[in-house]
């Protein structure tokens, strides 16, 4: 097969030979983490119900905080 797709149907991570986590598993893990009490507020401004997660720093944040940090080098976020 070509690219990051393997013959067994898995997807390798950026061509490095490692297998990526499936989208369903990844979303399930984010849902589980989001249910923790400490993840129900934005890390930076304490607004409730954050809608973004920082993959770089492992914290939940609201849209305004996410936008403020957007230009930080190597800053990766994921919409929840």
C-alpha atoms as a PDB file:
ATOM      1  CA  UNK A   1       0.000   0.000   0.000  1.00  0.00           C
ATOM      2  CA  UNK A   2       1.082   3.573  -0.365  1.00  0.00           C
ATOM      3  CA  UNK A   3       1.404   6.488   2.026  1.00  0.00           C
ATOM      4  CA  UNK A   4       0.530   5.903   5.659  1.00  0.00           C
ATOM      5  CA  UNK A   5      -2.046   3.167   4.971  1.00  0.00           C
ATOM      6  CA  UNK A   6      -0.964  -0.382   5.759  1.00  0.00           C
ATOM      7  CA  UNK A   7      -2.265  -3.535   4.104  1.00  0.00           C
ATOM      8  CA  UNK A   8      -4.018  -4.593   7.355  1.00  0.00           C
ATOM      9  CA  UNK A   9      -6.110  -1.398   7.342  1.00  0.00           C
ATOM     10  CA  UNK A  10      -4.216   0.509  10.037  1.00  0.00           C
ATOM     11  CA  UNK A  11      -2.656   3.906   9.504  1.00  0.00           C
ATOM     12  CA  UNK A  12       0.970   4.524  10.398  1.00  0.00           C
ATOM     13  CA  UNK A  13       1.948   7.711  12.234  1.00  0.00           C
ATOM     14  CA  UNK A  14       3.554  10.165   9.841  1.00  0.00           C
ATOM     15  CA  UNK A  15       5.324   7.387   7.999  1.00  0.00           C
ATOM     16  CA  UNK A  16       7.401   6.401  11.032  1.00  0.00           C
ATOM     17  CA  UNK A  17       6.007   2.892  11.193  1.00  0.00           C
ATOM     18  CA  UNK A  18       3.989   3.389  14.370  1.00  0.00           C
ATOM     19  CA  UNK A  19       0.232   2.796  14.310  1.00  0.00           C
ATOM     20  CA  UNK A  20      -2.091   5.762  14.914  1.00  0.00           C
ATOM     21  CA  UNK A  21      -4.890   5.594  17.459  1.00  0.00           C
ATOM     22  CA  UNK A  22      -8.262   5.199  15.780  1.00  0.00           C
ATOM     23  CA  UNK A  23     -10.536   8.240  15.745  1.00  0.00           C
ATOM     24  CA  UNK A  24     -13.200   6.417  17.765  1.00  0.00           C
ATOM     25  CA  UNK A  25     -10.694   5.486  20.481  1.00  0.00           C
ATOM     26  CA  UNK A  26      -9.258   9.005  20.538  1.00  0.00           C
ATOM     27  CA  UNK A  27     -12.703  10.613  20.867  1.00  0.00           C
ATOM     28  CA  UNK A  28     -13.685   8.172  23.615  1.00  0.00           C
ATOM     29  CA  UNK A  29     -10.560   9.063  25.598  1.00  0.00           C
ATOM     30  CA  UNK A  30     -11.211  12.811  25.231  1.00  0.00           C
ATOM     31  CA  UNK A  31     -14.821  12.307  26.422  1.00  0.00           C
ATOM     32  CA  UNK A  32     -13.606  10.348  29.453  1.00  0.00           C
ATOM     33  CA  UNK A  33     -11.034  12.998  30.376  1.00  0.00           C
ATOM     34  CA  UNK A  34     -13.487  15.826  29.858  1.00  0.00           C
ATOM     35  CA  UNK A  35     -15.845  14.354  32.459  1.00  0.00           C
ATOM     36  CA  UNK A  36     -13.290  14.877  35.230  1.00  0.00           C
ATOM     37  CA  UNK A  37     -14.261  17.802  37.467  1.00  0.00           C
ATOM     38  CA  UNK A  38     -10.935  19.599  37.020  1.00  0.00           C
ATOM     39  CA  UNK A  39     -11.389  19.563  33.234  1.00  0.00           C
ATOM     40  CA  UNK A  40     -14.770  21.313  33.338  1.00  0.00           C
ATOM     41  CA  UNK A  41     -13.222  24.809  33.439  1.00  0.00           C
ATOM     42  CA  UNK A  42     -10.726  26.614  31.229  1.00  0.00           C
ATOM     43  CA  UNK A  43      -7.172  26.254  32.508  1.00  0.00           C
ATOM     44  CA  UNK A  44      -6.351  29.924  31.949  1.00  0.00           C
ATOM     45  CA  UNK A  45      -9.469  32.024  32.513  1.00  0.00           C
ATOM     46  CA  UNK A  46     -11.787  29.726  34.533  1.00  0.00           C
ATOM     47  CA  UNK A  47     -14.692  29.933  32.075  1.00  0.00           C
ATOM     48  CA  UNK A  48     -16.887  26.871  32.281  1.00  0.00           C
ATOM     49  CA  UNK A  49     -17.296  24.239  29.568  1.00  0.00           C
ATOM     50  CA  UNK A  50     -14.053  24.580  27.574  1.00  0.00           C
ATOM     51  CA  UNK A  51     -14.379  23.562  23.936  1.00  0.00           C
ATOM     52  CA  UNK A  52     -10.703  23.080  23.037  1.00  0.00           C
ATOM     53  CA  UNK A  53      -7.914  20.877  24.345  1.00  0.00           C
ATOM     54  CA  UNK A  54      -4.220  21.712  24.174  1.00  0.00           C
ATOM     55  CA  UNK A  55      -2.427  18.607  22.965  1.00  0.00           C
ATOM     56  CA  UNK A  56       0.889  20.332  23.642  1.00  0.00           C
ATOM     57  CA  UNK A  57       0.263  21.062  27.320  1.00  0.00           C
ATOM     58  CA  UNK A  58      -2.582  18.661  28.190  1.00  0.00           C
ATOM     59  CA  UNK A  59      -5.128  21.237  29.342  1.00  0.00           C
ATOM     60  CA  UNK A  60      -8.669  22.229  28.425  1.00  0.00           C
ATOM     61  CA  UNK A  61      -9.397  25.790  27.368  1.00  0.00           C
ATOM     62  CA  UNK A  62     -12.109  27.989  25.932  1.00  0.00           C
ATOM     63  CA  UNK A  63     -12.035  29.549  22.478  1.00  0.00           C
ATOM     64  CA  UNK A  64     -10.624  32.922  23.597  1.00  0.00           C
ATOM     65  CA  UNK A  65      -7.703  31.328  25.465  1.00  0.00           C
ATOM     66  CA  UNK A  66      -7.071  29.013  22.534  1.00  0.00           C
ATOM     67  CA  UNK A  67      -6.910  31.981  20.151  1.00  0.00           C
ATOM     68  CA  UNK A  68      -4.576  33.917  22.481  1.00  0.00           C
ATOM     69  CA  UNK A  69      -2.128  30.996  22.525  1.00  0.00           C
ATOM     70  CA  UNK A  70      -2.504  30.156  18.828  1.00  0.00           C
ATOM     71  CA  UNK A  71       0.796  31.741  17.802  1.00  0.00           C
ATOM     72  CA  UNK A  72       2.872  29.971  20.454  1.00  0.00           C
ATOM     73  CA  UNK A  73       5.479  27.826  18.679  1.00  0.00           C
ATOM     74  CA  UNK A  74       4.626  24.106  18.562  1.00  0.00           C
ATOM     75  CA  UNK A  75       1.187  24.736  20.088  1.00  0.00           C
ATOM     76  CA  UNK A  76      -1.292  22.051  19.010  1.00  0.00           C
ATOM     77  CA  UNK A  77      -4.992  22.188  19.907  1.00  0.00           C
ATOM     78  CA  UNK A  78      -7.971  19.977  19.203  1.00  0.00           C
ATOM     79  CA  UNK A  79     -11.615  20.987  19.053  1.00  0.00           C
ATOM     80  CA  UNK A  80     -13.857  19.048  21.393  1.00  0.00           C
END
